Amino acid sequence: MKKILVINGHPDQESFNTAIARNYVDSAEATGAEVRYIAIGELDFNPNLQFGYRKRMELEPDLLKALEDIHWSEHQVWIHPMWWLGMPAVMKGFFDRAFLPGITFTRNNNGISEGLLNDKTGRIITTSGDLSEHEYNEIYQSSGLIQLKNGILEYCGLSSIQVDFIGPFQDINEDKRGKWLERIRDVAKTDSVPLKREA
């Protein structure tokens, strides 16, 4: 079975992002994948990296469990709304607090960073309130995606990261929402195909 971790970065558990996450989880489990789920907004932790890297803060139990799931996974699905061209504050705080040196990346003797999540693939699902994918890419140069995909996930070793952009929501009626959820279910089935490993 493929090990999939779904991470919902929306703080509102009644959001469309949560519907996306649930549809993905249900579809992946139906194909036989082993799935774990993290709703960042429901975790109990301080999202403020108060001392930067100068002084280590103790990781709360919820962060320790989340990191266990992150290292357990073979494939990660990060779902979040785009707010001010980026992720919600609680999701950014999750990365600040949990993705630390020695945990998700390290630096060698030459000062070069190396990811510690090298055996994992990923998918990013972003929802947008008022921007189309074209506007996001052309006008804003996919700034939030660059932060998450290149600056965090690939930096920490993930590879083959697929991206799905849903928006603008002002143009999405119930019929279109249903079609998007159907597409998410199909994506989950594709993602659930076990990784081919060399003998």
N, C-alpha and C. Protein backbone atom coordinates (compact mmCIF):
# COMPACT_ATOMS: atom_id res chain seq x y z
N MET A 1 0.84 -1.19 0.00
CA MET A 1 0.00 0.00 0.00
C MET A 1 0.87 1.25 0.00
N LYS A 2 0.44 2.24 -0.72
CA LYS A 2 1.15 3.51 -0.74
C LYS A 2 0.75 4.31 0.49
N LYS A 3 1.72 4.98 1.10
CA LYS A 3 1.48 5.77 2.31
C LYS A 3 1.32 7.24 1.93
N ILE A 4 0.12 7.75 2.11
CA ILE A 4 -0.21 9.11 1.71
C ILE A 4 -0.60 9.94 2.92
N LEU A 5 -0.04 11.13 3.00
CA LEU A 5 -0.38 12.07 4.07
C LEU A 5 -1.07 13.28 3.44
N VAL A 6 -2.26 13.59 3.89
CA VAL A 6 -3.01 14.75 3.42
C VAL A 6 -2.98 15.82 4.50
N ILE A 7 -2.52 17.02 4.15
CA ILE A 7 -2.40 18.12 5.10
C ILE A 7 -3.28 19.27 4.66
N ASN A 8 -4.24 19.63 5.50
CA ASN A 8 -5.17 20.71 5.21
C ASN A 8 -4.72 21.97 5.95
N GLY A 9 -4.35 23.00 5.19
CA GLY A 9 -3.83 24.22 5.80
C GLY A 9 -4.88 25.27 6.06
N HIS A 10 -6.15 25.00 5.76
CA HIS A 10 -7.21 25.99 6.00
C HIS A 10 -7.63 25.92 7.47
N PRO A 11 -7.67 27.04 8.19
CA PRO A 11 -8.04 27.00 9.60
C PRO A 11 -9.51 26.70 9.86
N ASP A 12 -10.37 26.86 8.85
CA ASP A 12 -11.81 26.61 9.00
C ASP A 12 -12.14 25.21 8.51
N GLN A 13 -12.55 24.35 9.43
CA GLN A 13 -12.82 22.96 9.06
C GLN A 13 -14.15 22.77 8.36
N GLU A 14 -14.87 23.86 8.08
CA GLU A 14 -16.08 23.78 7.27
C GLU A 14 -15.85 24.39 5.89
N SER A 15 -14.59 24.60 5.53
CA SER A 15 -14.23 25.23 4.27
C SER A 15 -14.28 24.24 3.11
N PHE A 16 -14.24 24.78 1.88
CA PHE A 16 -14.16 23.92 0.69
C PHE A 16 -12.85 23.15 0.67
N ASN A 17 -11.80 23.74 1.25
CA ASN A 17 -10.52 23.02 1.35
C ASN A 17 -10.70 21.72 2.13
N THR A 18 -11.53 21.76 3.17
CA THR A 18 -11.78 20.54 3.94
C THR A 18 -12.55 19.52 3.11
N ALA A 19 -13.50 20.00 2.31
CA ALA A 19 -14.23 19.10 1.41
C ALA A 19 -13.27 18.45 0.41
N ILE A 20 -12.33 19.24 -0.10
CA ILE A 20 -11.31 18.71 -1.00
C ILE A 20 -10.51 17.61 -0.29
N ALA A 21 -10.06 17.92 0.92
CA ALA A 21 -9.25 16.96 1.68
C ALA A 21 -10.02 15.67 1.93
N ARG A 22 -11.26 15.79 2.34
CA ARG A 22 -12.05 14.59 2.64
C ARG A 22 -12.29 13.75 1.41
N ASN A 23 -12.57 14.41 0.27
CA ASN A 23 -12.78 13.67 -0.97
C ASN A 23 -11.50 12.96 -1.40
N TYR A 24 -10.37 13.63 -1.24
CA TYR A 24 -9.10 13.01 -1.59
C TYR A 24 -8.85 11.79 -0.70
N VAL A 25 -9.03 11.95 0.61
CA VAL A 25 -8.79 10.86 1.56
C VAL A 25 -9.69 9.67 1.24
N ASP A 26 -10.98 9.93 1.05
CA ASP A 26 -11.93 8.84 0.78
C ASP A 26 -11.56 8.09 -0.50
N SER A 27 -11.20 8.83 -1.54
CA SER A 27 -10.87 8.20 -2.82
C SER A 27 -9.58 7.40 -2.73
N ALA A 28 -8.57 7.96 -2.05
CA ALA A 28 -7.30 7.25 -1.91
C ALA A 28 -7.46 5.97 -1.10
N GLU A 29 -8.24 6.07 -0.01
CA GLU A 29 -8.46 4.87 0.81
C GLU A 29 -9.23 3.81 0.03
N ALA A 30 -10.14 4.24 -0.83
CA ALA A 30 -10.93 3.28 -1.62
C ALA A 30 -10.07 2.49 -2.59
N THR A 31 -8.94 3.06 -2.99
CA THR A 31 -8.03 2.36 -3.91
C THR A 31 -7.06 1.44 -3.16
N GLY A 32 -7.09 1.51 -1.83
CA GLY A 32 -6.22 0.65 -1.04
C GLY A 32 -5.03 1.33 -0.43
N ALA A 33 -4.89 2.64 -0.63
CA ALA A 33 -3.77 3.37 -0.04
C ALA A 33 -3.97 3.51 1.46
N GLU A 34 -2.87 3.61 2.17
CA GLU A 34 -2.92 3.90 3.61
C GLU A 34 -2.79 5.41 3.76
N VAL A 35 -3.79 6.05 4.36
CA VAL A 35 -3.86 7.51 4.39
C VAL A 35 -3.92 8.03 5.83
N ARG A 36 -3.13 9.05 6.09
CA ARG A 36 -3.22 9.80 7.33
C ARG A 36 -3.58 11.25 7.01
N TYR A 37 -4.19 11.93 7.96
CA TYR A 37 -4.72 13.27 7.72
C TYR A 37 -4.32 14.23 8.83
N ILE A 38 -3.88 15.41 8.44
CA ILE A 38 -3.56 16.48 9.40
C ILE A 38 -4.36 17.71 9.04
N ALA A 39 -5.13 18.22 9.99
CA ALA A 39 -5.79 19.52 9.85
C ALA A 39 -5.00 20.50 10.71
N ILE A 40 -4.18 21.31 10.07
CA ILE A 40 -3.26 22.18 10.81
C ILE A 40 -4.02 23.08 11.78
N GLY A 41 -5.19 23.56 11.37
CA GLY A 41 -5.95 24.47 12.22
C GLY A 41 -6.46 23.84 13.50
N GLU A 42 -6.44 22.51 13.58
CA GLU A 42 -6.91 21.83 14.78
C GLU A 42 -5.76 21.41 15.69
N LEU A 43 -4.54 21.63 15.26
CA LEU A 43 -3.39 21.26 16.09
C LEU A 43 -3.20 22.28 17.21
N ASP A 44 -2.71 21.80 18.34
CA ASP A 44 -2.45 22.66 19.49
C ASP A 44 -0.95 22.96 19.54
N PHE A 45 -0.57 24.14 19.03
CA PHE A 45 0.84 24.53 19.05
C PHE A 45 0.95 26.04 18.90
N ASN A 46 2.08 26.57 19.30
CA ASN A 46 2.37 28.00 19.15
C ASN A 46 2.98 28.20 17.76
N PRO A 47 2.32 28.92 16.84
CA PRO A 47 2.83 29.07 15.49
C PRO A 47 3.96 30.09 15.37
N ASN A 48 4.28 30.74 16.47
CA ASN A 48 5.31 31.79 16.44
C ASN A 48 6.68 31.22 16.78
N LEU A 49 7.60 31.25 15.83
CA LEU A 49 8.98 30.82 16.09
C LEU A 49 9.67 31.97 16.83
N GLN A 50 9.43 32.03 18.09
CA GLN A 50 9.72 33.20 18.91
C GLN A 50 11.18 33.63 18.91
N PHE A 51 12.09 32.67 18.88
CA PHE A 51 13.51 33.00 18.98
C PHE A 51 14.28 32.75 17.67
N GLY A 52 13.54 32.53 16.58
CA GLY A 52 14.22 32.16 15.35
C GLY A 52 14.98 30.86 15.57
N TYR A 53 16.20 30.78 15.04
CA TYR A 53 17.02 29.59 15.25
C TYR A 53 18.03 29.79 16.38
N ARG A 54 17.94 30.93 17.07
CA ARG A 54 18.88 31.21 18.15
C ARG A 54 18.65 30.32 19.36
N LYS A 55 17.39 30.04 19.65
CA LYS A 55 17.05 29.24 20.81
C LYS A 55 15.95 28.26 20.43
N ARG A 56 16.16 27.00 20.73
CA ARG A 56 15.21 25.95 20.32
C ARG A 56 13.97 25.98 21.21
N MET A 57 12.80 25.93 20.60
CA MET A 57 11.54 25.80 21.34
C MET A 57 11.16 24.33 21.38
N GLU A 58 10.65 23.88 22.51
CA GLU A 58 10.21 22.49 22.61
C GLU A 58 9.01 22.26 21.68
N LEU A 59 9.04 21.17 20.95
CA LEU A 59 7.95 20.84 20.05
C LEU A 59 6.77 20.26 20.82
N GLU A 60 5.60 20.81 20.60
CA GLU A 60 4.39 20.32 21.25
C GLU A 60 4.05 18.93 20.74
N PRO A 61 3.29 18.13 21.53
CA PRO A 61 2.93 16.77 21.10
C PRO A 61 2.28 16.71 19.72
N ASP A 62 1.43 17.69 19.40
CA ASP A 62 0.77 17.66 18.09
C ASP A 62 1.78 17.85 16.96
N LEU A 63 2.80 18.66 17.17
CA LEU A 63 3.83 18.84 16.15
C LEU A 63 4.68 17.59 16.02
N LEU A 64 4.99 16.95 17.14
CA LEU A 64 5.76 15.71 17.10
C LEU A 64 5.01 14.62 16.33
N LYS A 65 3.70 14.51 16.55
CA LYS A 65 2.89 13.53 15.83
C LYS A 65 2.83 13.88 14.35
N ALA A 66 2.69 15.17 14.03
CA ALA A 66 2.65 15.59 12.62
C ALA A 66 3.96 15.26 11.92
N LEU A 67 5.07 15.48 12.59
CA LEU A 67 6.37 15.16 12.00
C LEU A 67 6.55 13.66 11.82
N GLU A 68 6.02 12.88 12.74
CA GLU A 68 6.05 11.43 12.58
C GLU A 68 5.30 11.03 11.31
N ASP A 69 4.14 11.65 11.09
CA ASP A 69 3.35 11.35 9.90
C ASP A 69 4.08 11.81 8.63
N ILE A 70 4.74 12.95 8.69
CA ILE A 70 5.47 13.49 7.54
C ILE A 70 6.60 12.54 7.14
N HIS A 71 7.34 12.05 8.11
CA HIS A 71 8.44 11.13 7.81
C HIS A 71 7.92 9.75 7.40
N TRP A 72 6.75 9.38 7.90
CA TRP A 72 6.13 8.09 7.54
C TRP A 72 5.69 8.07 6.09
N SER A 73 5.25 9.18 5.58
CA SER A 73 4.59 9.25 4.27
C SER A 73 5.54 8.96 3.12
N GLU A 74 4.95 8.47 2.02
CA GLU A 74 5.64 8.37 0.74
C GLU A 74 5.21 9.50 -0.19
N HIS A 75 3.98 9.97 0.01
CA HIS A 75 3.42 11.03 -0.83
C HIS A 75 2.66 12.00 0.08
N GLN A 76 2.89 13.29 -0.13
CA GLN A 76 2.23 14.32 0.68
C GLN A 76 1.35 15.20 -0.19
N VAL A 77 0.16 15.52 0.31
CA VAL A 77 -0.78 16.39 -0.39
C VAL A 77 -1.05 17.61 0.49
N TRP A 78 -0.58 18.76 0.05
CA TRP A 78 -0.73 20.00 0.81
C TRP A 78 -1.86 20.82 0.20
N ILE A 79 -2.91 21.06 0.97
CA ILE A 79 -4.11 21.77 0.51
C ILE A 79 -4.23 23.08 1.28
N HIS A 80 -4.39 24.19 0.56
CA HIS A 80 -4.53 25.47 1.27
C HIS A 80 -5.18 26.53 0.39
N PRO A 81 -5.84 27.51 1.03
CA PRO A 81 -6.35 28.65 0.27
C PRO A 81 -5.22 29.65 0.07
N MET A 82 -5.33 30.44 -0.99
CA MET A 82 -4.35 31.49 -1.22
C MET A 82 -4.85 32.79 -0.61
N TRP A 83 -4.19 33.23 0.45
CA TRP A 83 -4.53 34.48 1.11
C TRP A 83 -3.35 35.43 0.96
N TRP A 84 -3.59 36.62 0.41
CA TRP A 84 -2.50 37.57 0.18
C TRP A 84 -1.35 36.91 -0.57
N LEU A 85 -1.71 36.13 -1.59
CA LEU A 85 -0.76 35.46 -2.49
C LEU A 85 0.03 34.35 -1.82
N GLY A 86 -0.33 33.98 -0.60
CA GLY A 86 0.40 32.93 0.08
C GLY A 86 -0.51 32.06 0.92
N MET A 87 0.07 31.29 1.80
CA MET A 87 -0.67 30.36 2.65
C MET A 87 -1.19 31.08 3.90
N PRO A 88 -2.21 30.53 4.59
CA PRO A 88 -2.68 31.10 5.84
C PRO A 88 -1.58 31.14 6.90
N ALA A 89 -1.71 32.06 7.84
CA ALA A 89 -0.68 32.26 8.86
C ALA A 89 -0.41 31.00 9.67
N VAL A 90 -1.46 30.24 10.01
CA VAL A 90 -1.25 29.05 10.84
C VAL A 90 -0.46 27.99 10.09
N MET A 91 -0.61 27.93 8.77
CA MET A 91 0.16 26.98 7.97
C MET A 91 1.62 27.40 7.90
N LYS A 92 1.86 28.70 7.69
CA LYS A 92 3.23 29.21 7.70
C LYS A 92 3.87 28.96 9.05
N GLY A 93 3.11 29.19 10.13
CA GLY A 93 3.62 28.92 11.47
C GLY A 93 3.96 27.46 11.69
N PHE A 94 3.19 26.57 11.07
CA PHE A 94 3.48 25.14 11.15
C PHE A 94 4.85 24.84 10.56
N PHE A 95 5.12 25.40 9.39
CA PHE A 95 6.43 25.19 8.78
C PHE A 95 7.54 25.81 9.63
N ASP A 96 7.31 27.03 10.14
CA ASP A 96 8.32 27.70 10.96
C ASP A 96 8.69 26.86 12.17
N ARG A 97 7.69 26.27 12.81
CA ARG A 97 7.93 25.54 14.05
C ARG A 97 8.40 24.10 13.83
N ALA A 98 7.90 23.44 12.79
CA ALA A 98 8.16 22.00 12.64
C ALA A 98 9.27 21.67 11.66
N PHE A 99 9.43 22.46 10.60
CA PHE A 99 10.43 22.15 9.58
C PHE A 99 11.76 22.79 9.98
N LEU A 100 12.45 22.11 10.86
CA LEU A 100 13.65 22.65 11.50
C LEU A 100 14.91 21.91 11.05
N PRO A 101 16.07 22.56 11.22
CA PRO A 101 17.34 21.88 10.92
C PRO A 101 17.46 20.59 11.73
N GLY A 102 17.87 19.54 11.08
CA GLY A 102 18.01 18.25 11.74
C GLY A 102 16.74 17.43 11.73
N ILE A 103 15.63 18.04 11.30
CA ILE A 103 14.34 17.35 11.28
C ILE A 103 13.86 17.15 9.84
N THR A 104 13.84 18.22 9.05
CA THR A 104 13.43 18.10 7.65
C THR A 104 14.55 18.50 6.68
N PHE A 105 15.61 19.09 7.19
CA PHE A 105 16.77 19.41 6.36
C PHE A 105 17.99 19.52 7.26
N THR A 106 19.16 19.49 6.63
CA THR A 106 20.40 19.62 7.39
C THR A 106 21.40 20.37 6.53
N ARG A 107 22.48 20.77 7.13
CA ARG A 107 23.56 21.42 6.39
C ARG A 107 24.84 20.62 6.59
N ASN A 108 25.54 20.34 5.46
CA ASN A 108 26.76 19.57 5.57
C ASN A 108 27.93 20.45 6.00
N ASN A 109 29.11 19.87 6.06
CA ASN A 109 30.28 20.61 6.54
C ASN A 109 30.65 21.80 5.66
N ASN A 110 30.17 21.79 4.43
CA ASN A 110 30.44 22.91 3.52
C ASN A 110 29.35 23.97 3.56
N GLY A 111 28.39 23.79 4.48
CA GLY A 111 27.31 24.76 4.60
C GLY A 111 26.22 24.61 3.57
N ILE A 112 26.23 23.51 2.83
CA ILE A 112 25.22 23.27 1.81
C ILE A 112 24.05 22.51 2.42
N SER A 113 22.84 23.00 2.17
CA SER A 113 21.65 22.37 2.74
C SER A 113 21.29 21.09 1.98
N GLU A 114 20.83 20.11 2.73
CA GLU A 114 20.38 18.84 2.16
C GLU A 114 19.04 18.48 2.78
N GLY A 115 18.07 18.10 1.93
CA GLY A 115 16.77 17.70 2.43
C GLY A 115 16.80 16.35 3.10
N LEU A 116 15.94 16.18 4.09
CA LEU A 116 15.83 14.90 4.79
C LEU A 116 14.53 14.17 4.44
N LEU A 117 13.79 14.71 3.45
CA LEU A 117 12.55 14.08 3.01
C LEU A 117 12.69 13.62 1.55
N ASN A 118 13.85 13.08 1.24
CA ASN A 118 14.22 12.81 -0.15
C ASN A 118 13.45 11.67 -0.81
N ASP A 119 12.83 10.81 -0.03
CA ASP A 119 12.16 9.65 -0.62
C ASP A 119 10.66 9.89 -0.83
N LYS A 120 10.25 11.16 -0.90
CA LYS A 120 8.82 11.47 -0.94
C LYS A 120 8.45 12.32 -2.15
N THR A 121 7.24 12.12 -2.64
CA THR A 121 6.69 12.96 -3.69
C THR A 121 5.60 13.84 -3.10
N GLY A 122 5.08 14.76 -3.90
CA GLY A 122 4.11 15.67 -3.35
C GLY A 122 3.09 16.18 -4.35
N ARG A 123 2.05 16.79 -3.82
CA ARG A 123 1.05 17.50 -4.60
C ARG A 123 0.59 18.70 -3.80
N ILE A 124 0.40 19.82 -4.48
CA ILE A 124 -0.11 21.04 -3.87
C ILE A 124 -1.44 21.38 -4.52
N ILE A 125 -2.47 21.57 -3.70
CA ILE A 125 -3.79 21.98 -4.19
C ILE A 125 -4.10 23.34 -3.57
N THR A 126 -4.17 24.36 -4.42
CA THR A 126 -4.39 25.74 -3.97
C THR A 126 -5.73 26.25 -4.46
N THR A 127 -6.50 26.88 -3.57
CA THR A 127 -7.75 27.51 -3.97
C THR A 127 -7.58 29.02 -3.91
N SER A 128 -8.22 29.71 -4.87
CA SER A 128 -8.09 31.16 -4.96
C SER A 128 -9.45 31.83 -4.96
N GLY A 129 -9.56 32.93 -4.22
CA GLY A 129 -10.82 33.64 -4.14
C GLY A 129 -11.13 34.46 -5.37
N ASP A 130 -10.16 35.27 -5.83
CA ASP A 130 -10.46 36.18 -6.93
C ASP A 130 -9.44 36.18 -8.07
N LEU A 131 -8.43 35.36 -7.99
CA LEU A 131 -7.43 35.30 -9.05
C LEU A 131 -7.59 34.04 -9.88
N SER A 132 -7.46 34.19 -11.19
CA SER A 132 -7.40 33.02 -12.05
C SER A 132 -5.98 32.48 -12.04
N GLU A 133 -5.81 31.26 -12.52
CA GLU A 133 -4.46 30.68 -12.58
C GLU A 133 -3.56 31.50 -13.49
N HIS A 134 -4.12 32.00 -14.59
CA HIS A 134 -3.33 32.82 -15.51
C HIS A 134 -2.86 34.10 -14.82
N GLU A 135 -3.74 34.78 -14.11
CA GLU A 135 -3.35 36.01 -13.41
C GLU A 135 -2.29 35.72 -12.35
N TYR A 136 -2.48 34.62 -11.64
CA TYR A 136 -1.53 34.24 -10.59
C TYR A 136 -0.14 33.99 -11.18
N ASN A 137 -0.10 33.30 -12.31
CA ASN A 137 1.19 32.98 -12.93
C ASN A 137 1.83 34.18 -13.62
N GLU A 138 1.02 34.94 -14.36
CA GLU A 138 1.57 36.01 -15.19
C GLU A 138 1.81 37.30 -14.42
N ILE A 139 0.86 37.69 -13.60
CA ILE A 139 0.98 38.97 -12.89
C ILE A 139 1.82 38.83 -11.61
N TYR A 140 1.56 37.77 -10.86
CA TYR A 140 2.21 37.60 -9.56
C TYR A 140 3.30 36.54 -9.55
N GLN A 141 3.62 36.01 -10.73
CA GLN A 141 4.75 35.09 -10.89
C GLN A 141 4.69 33.88 -9.95
N SER A 142 3.46 33.45 -9.65
CA SER A 142 3.26 32.24 -8.82
C SER A 142 4.03 32.34 -7.50
N SER A 143 4.01 33.52 -6.90
CA SER A 143 4.87 33.79 -5.75
C SER A 143 4.63 32.85 -4.57
N GLY A 144 3.37 32.61 -4.22
CA GLY A 144 3.09 31.72 -3.10
C GLY A 144 3.48 30.28 -3.40
N LEU A 145 3.29 29.88 -4.66
CA LEU A 145 3.67 28.52 -5.06
C LEU A 145 5.18 28.34 -4.99
N ILE A 146 5.92 29.35 -5.40
CA ILE A 146 7.38 29.27 -5.32
C ILE A 146 7.82 29.09 -3.88
N GLN A 147 7.18 29.82 -2.97
CA GLN A 147 7.53 29.70 -1.55
C GLN A 147 7.31 28.28 -1.05
N LEU A 148 6.12 27.73 -1.33
CA LEU A 148 5.78 26.40 -0.81
C LEU A 148 6.51 25.28 -1.56
N LYS A 149 6.43 25.31 -2.88
CA LYS A 149 6.99 24.21 -3.67
C LYS A 149 8.51 24.21 -3.66
N ASN A 150 9.11 25.35 -4.05
CA ASN A 150 10.57 25.42 -4.17
C ASN A 150 11.25 25.74 -2.84
N GLY A 151 10.71 26.73 -2.15
CA GLY A 151 11.39 27.22 -0.95
C GLY A 151 11.26 26.34 0.26
N ILE A 152 10.21 25.48 0.30
CA ILE A 152 10.01 24.63 1.48
C ILE A 152 10.09 23.15 1.11
N LEU A 153 9.15 22.68 0.30
CA LEU A 153 9.05 21.23 0.06
C LEU A 153 10.24 20.68 -0.70
N GLU A 154 10.59 21.29 -1.84
CA GLU A 154 11.75 20.80 -2.59
C GLU A 154 13.04 21.02 -1.81
N TYR A 155 13.12 22.12 -1.10
CA TYR A 155 14.29 22.39 -0.26
C TYR A 155 14.51 21.27 0.75
N CYS A 156 13.39 20.71 1.24
CA CYS A 156 13.47 19.64 2.23
C CYS A 156 13.51 18.25 1.60
N GLY A 157 13.55 18.20 0.26
CA GLY A 157 13.81 16.93 -0.40
C GLY A 157 12.69 16.33 -1.22
N LEU A 158 11.45 16.86 -1.13
CA LEU A 158 10.38 16.30 -1.93
C LEU A 158 10.65 16.50 -3.41
N SER A 159 10.15 15.56 -4.22
CA SER A 159 10.34 15.64 -5.66
C SER A 159 9.03 15.32 -6.38
N SER A 160 9.03 15.54 -7.68
CA SER A 160 7.86 15.24 -8.53
C SER A 160 6.59 15.85 -7.94
N ILE A 161 6.65 17.12 -7.59
CA ILE A 161 5.51 17.79 -6.96
C ILE A 161 4.54 18.29 -8.04
N GLN A 162 3.32 17.77 -8.00
CA GLN A 162 2.27 18.19 -8.93
C GLN A 162 1.47 19.34 -8.31
N VAL A 163 0.88 20.18 -9.16
CA VAL A 163 0.17 21.37 -8.68
C VAL A 163 -1.21 21.45 -9.30
N ASP A 164 -2.22 21.70 -8.45
CA ASP A 164 -3.59 21.93 -8.92
C ASP A 164 -4.05 23.28 -8.38
N PHE A 165 -4.57 24.13 -9.27
CA PHE A 165 -5.04 25.47 -8.92
C PHE A 165 -6.54 25.53 -9.14
N ILE A 166 -7.30 25.90 -8.12
CA ILE A 166 -8.75 25.99 -8.21
C ILE A 166 -9.19 27.43 -7.97
N GLY A 167 -9.72 28.07 -8.99
CA GLY A 167 -10.18 29.44 -8.81
C GLY A 167 -10.32 30.17 -10.13
N PRO A 168 -10.89 31.38 -10.10
CA PRO A 168 -11.35 32.10 -8.90
C PRO A 168 -12.69 31.56 -8.40
N PHE A 169 -12.89 31.59 -7.09
CA PHE A 169 -14.09 31.03 -6.50
C PHE A 169 -15.34 31.81 -6.86
N GLN A 170 -15.19 33.09 -7.20
CA GLN A 170 -16.36 33.88 -7.57
C GLN A 170 -17.02 33.35 -8.84
N ASP A 171 -16.30 32.54 -9.60
CA ASP A 171 -16.83 31.95 -10.83
C ASP A 171 -17.18 30.47 -10.65
N ILE A 172 -17.09 29.97 -9.44
CA ILE A 172 -17.34 28.54 -9.22
C ILE A 172 -18.69 28.35 -8.54
N ASN A 173 -19.66 27.79 -9.28
CA ASN A 173 -20.96 27.48 -8.70
C ASN A 173 -20.96 26.05 -8.17
N GLU A 174 -22.11 25.60 -7.69
CA GLU A 174 -22.17 24.27 -7.10
C GLU A 174 -21.83 23.17 -8.11
N ASP A 175 -22.25 23.39 -9.36
CA ASP A 175 -21.95 22.39 -10.39
C ASP A 175 -20.44 22.29 -10.60
N LYS A 176 -19.78 23.45 -10.68
CA LYS A 176 -18.33 23.45 -10.88
C LYS A 176 -17.61 22.89 -9.66
N ARG A 177 -18.13 23.16 -8.47
CA ARG A 177 -17.52 22.59 -7.26
C ARG A 177 -17.59 21.07 -7.30
N GLY A 178 -18.74 20.58 -7.73
CA GLY A 178 -18.89 19.13 -7.84
C GLY A 178 -17.92 18.52 -8.83
N LYS A 179 -17.71 19.22 -9.94
CA LYS A 179 -16.77 18.72 -10.94
C LYS A 179 -15.34 18.76 -10.41
N TRP A 180 -15.03 19.80 -9.61
CA TRP A 180 -13.68 19.86 -9.03
C TRP A 180 -13.47 18.72 -8.03
N LEU A 181 -14.48 18.44 -7.23
CA LEU A 181 -14.35 17.35 -6.26
C LEU A 181 -14.21 16.01 -6.98
N GLU A 182 -14.89 15.87 -8.10
CA GLU A 182 -14.74 14.65 -8.90
C GLU A 182 -13.31 14.55 -9.44
N ARG A 183 -12.78 15.69 -9.88
CA ARG A 183 -11.39 15.69 -10.37
C ARG A 183 -10.43 15.34 -9.24
N ILE A 184 -10.69 15.85 -8.05
CA ILE A 184 -9.82 15.55 -6.90
C ILE A 184 -9.85 14.05 -6.61
N ARG A 185 -11.02 13.45 -6.72
CA ARG A 185 -11.11 12.00 -6.48
C ARG A 185 -10.31 11.23 -7.52
N ASP A 186 -10.34 11.70 -8.77
CA ASP A 186 -9.55 11.04 -9.81
C ASP A 186 -8.05 11.22 -9.56
N VAL A 187 -7.67 12.42 -9.13
CA VAL A 187 -6.27 12.69 -8.81
C VAL A 187 -5.79 11.77 -7.70
N ALA A 188 -6.64 11.57 -6.69
CA ALA A 188 -6.27 10.71 -5.57
C ALA A 188 -6.05 9.28 -6.03
N LYS A 189 -6.86 8.82 -6.95
CA LYS A 189 -6.68 7.46 -7.48
C LYS A 189 -5.34 7.34 -8.20
N THR A 190 -4.99 8.38 -8.97
CA THR A 190 -3.71 8.37 -9.67
C THR A 190 -2.55 8.39 -8.69
N ASP A 191 -2.65 9.24 -7.67
CA ASP A 191 -1.59 9.35 -6.68
C ASP A 191 -1.41 8.06 -5.88
N SER A 192 -2.45 7.27 -5.78
CA SER A 192 -2.42 6.08 -4.92
C SER A 192 -1.69 4.89 -5.54
N VAL A 193 -1.31 5.01 -6.82
CA VAL A 193 -0.58 3.92 -7.44
C VAL A 193 0.76 3.77 -6.72
N PRO A 194 1.08 2.58 -6.24
CA PRO A 194 2.31 2.38 -5.47
C PRO A 194 3.55 2.77 -6.27
N LEU A 195 4.54 3.28 -5.56
CA LEU A 195 5.80 3.66 -6.19
C LEU A 195 6.53 2.42 -6.70
N LYS A 196 7.10 2.52 -7.87
CA LYS A 196 7.92 1.43 -8.40
C LYS A 196 9.32 1.54 -7.84
N ARG A 197 9.75 0.53 -7.16
CA ARG A 197 11.10 0.55 -6.57
C ARG A 197 12.01 -0.42 -7.31
N GLU A 198 13.24 0.00 -7.47
CA GLU A 198 14.21 -0.85 -8.14
C GLU A 198 14.57 -2.04 -7.26
N ALA A 199 14.76 -3.18 -7.90
CA ALA A 199 15.08 -4.40 -7.15
C ALA A 199 16.51 -4.32 -6.65
